[in-house]
Amino acid sequence: MIIGLLRTFLFLIIIYYLFRFIGRLVLPTLLSKYVNKMTNPNFQKQQYSEGVRNDEGKVTIKQTAPHKKMTSSDLGEYVDYEEVKG
């Protein structure tokens, strides 16, 4: 039982240090690529151009589809309410 516990503890320690080692190698390169991509002026222009393309001062009105009003026949059968005193 103690050997299994020590084996599990050792395994967790090895996994922990392995993730730390891989993180120190991989994470800085991923972050630097991300920062370079975000600071690239062409990327910022592309992000802006994908947004809303309205001319300054131009007014646009978006029309929505008309809503269908519910009529009383769509609501179902009307039931009288009776108060029950107890």
Protein backbone atom coordinates (compact mmCIF):
# COMPACT_ATOMS: atom_id res chain seq x y z
CA MET A 1 0.00 0.00 0.00
CA ILE A 2 2.80 2.44 0.83
CA ILE A 3 4.63 1.51 -2.36
CA GLY A 4 1.54 2.35 -4.44
CA LEU A 5 1.17 5.67 -2.64
CA LEU A 6 4.84 6.52 -3.21
CA ARG A 7 4.59 5.48 -6.86
CA THR A 8 1.54 7.75 -7.35
CA PHE A 9 3.25 10.63 -5.56
CA LEU A 10 6.39 10.22 -7.69
CA PHE A 11 4.29 10.03 -10.85
CA LEU A 12 2.52 13.29 -9.96
CA ILE A 13 5.83 15.03 -9.27
CA ILE A 14 7.22 13.87 -12.62
CA ILE A 15 4.09 15.08 -14.46
CA TYR A 16 4.30 18.45 -12.66
CA TYR A 17 7.93 19.07 -13.63
CA LEU A 18 7.32 17.82 -17.16
CA PHE A 19 4.53 20.37 -17.65
CA ARG A 20 6.71 23.11 -16.21
CA PHE A 21 9.56 22.21 -18.56
CA ILE A 22 7.33 22.04 -21.63
CA GLY A 23 5.60 25.27 -20.60
CA ARG A 24 8.90 27.10 -20.41
CA LEU A 25 9.81 25.94 -23.90
CA VAL A 26 6.50 26.29 -25.73
CA LEU A 27 4.60 29.08 -23.99
CA PRO A 28 7.04 31.94 -24.74
CA THR A 29 7.08 31.13 -28.46
CA LEU A 30 3.28 30.96 -28.60
CA LEU A 31 2.94 34.25 -26.74
CA SER A 32 5.49 36.02 -28.90
CA LYS A 33 3.72 34.88 -32.07
CA TYR A 34 0.40 36.09 -30.68
CA VAL A 35 1.82 39.48 -29.67
CA ASN A 36 3.52 39.93 -33.04
CA LYS A 37 0.29 39.08 -34.81
CA MET A 38 -1.71 41.57 -32.74
CA THR A 39 0.80 44.39 -33.15
CA ASN A 40 1.02 43.92 -36.91
CA PRO A 41 -0.59 47.00 -38.55
CA ASN A 42 -1.98 44.92 -41.41
CA PHE A 43 -3.83 42.68 -38.96
CA GLN A 44 -5.36 45.68 -37.22
CA LYS A 45 -6.54 47.12 -40.55
CA GLN A 46 -8.02 43.76 -41.46
CA GLN A 47 -9.89 43.55 -38.16
CA TYR A 48 -11.25 47.07 -38.67
CA SER A 49 -12.29 46.44 -42.26
CA GLU A 50 -14.21 43.30 -41.27
CA GLY A 51 -16.32 45.40 -38.90
CA VAL A 52 -19.18 47.68 -39.85
CA ARG A 53 -18.41 49.54 -43.05
CA ASN A 54 -20.53 52.66 -42.73
CA ASP A 55 -19.50 56.00 -44.10
CA GLU A 56 -19.22 58.70 -41.51
CA GLY A 57 -22.43 60.72 -41.28
CA LYS A 58 -24.47 58.23 -43.31
CA VAL A 59 -27.71 57.11 -41.69
CA THR A 60 -28.87 53.54 -42.28
CA ILE A 61 -32.14 52.05 -41.13
CA LYS A 62 -32.52 48.31 -40.84
CA GLN A 63 -36.07 47.10 -41.25
CA THR A 64 -37.22 44.05 -39.40
CA ALA A 65 -39.80 41.55 -40.54
CA PRO A 66 -43.32 42.45 -39.44
CA HIS A 67 -44.50 40.62 -36.36
CA LYS A 68 -47.60 38.49 -36.61
CA LYS A 69 -50.09 39.55 -33.95
CA MET A 70 -51.80 36.80 -32.02
CA THR A 71 -55.55 36.80 -32.35
CA SER A 72 -58.00 35.46 -29.82
CA SER A 73 -58.54 32.32 -31.90
CA ASP A 74 -54.83 31.51 -31.54
CA LEU A 75 -54.92 31.76 -27.75
CA GLY A 76 -57.23 28.83 -27.05
CA GLU A 77 -60.47 28.36 -25.20
CA TYR A 78 -61.55 30.87 -22.55
CA VAL A 79 -62.38 29.39 -19.14
CA ASP A 80 -64.33 31.35 -16.53
CA TYR A 81 -62.61 31.77 -13.19
CA GLU A 82 -64.53 30.89 -10.09
CA GLU A 83 -63.20 31.71 -6.67
CA VAL A 84 -63.50 28.79 -4.29
CA LYS A 85 -63.92 29.68 -0.62
CA GLY A 86 -62.84 27.07 1.80
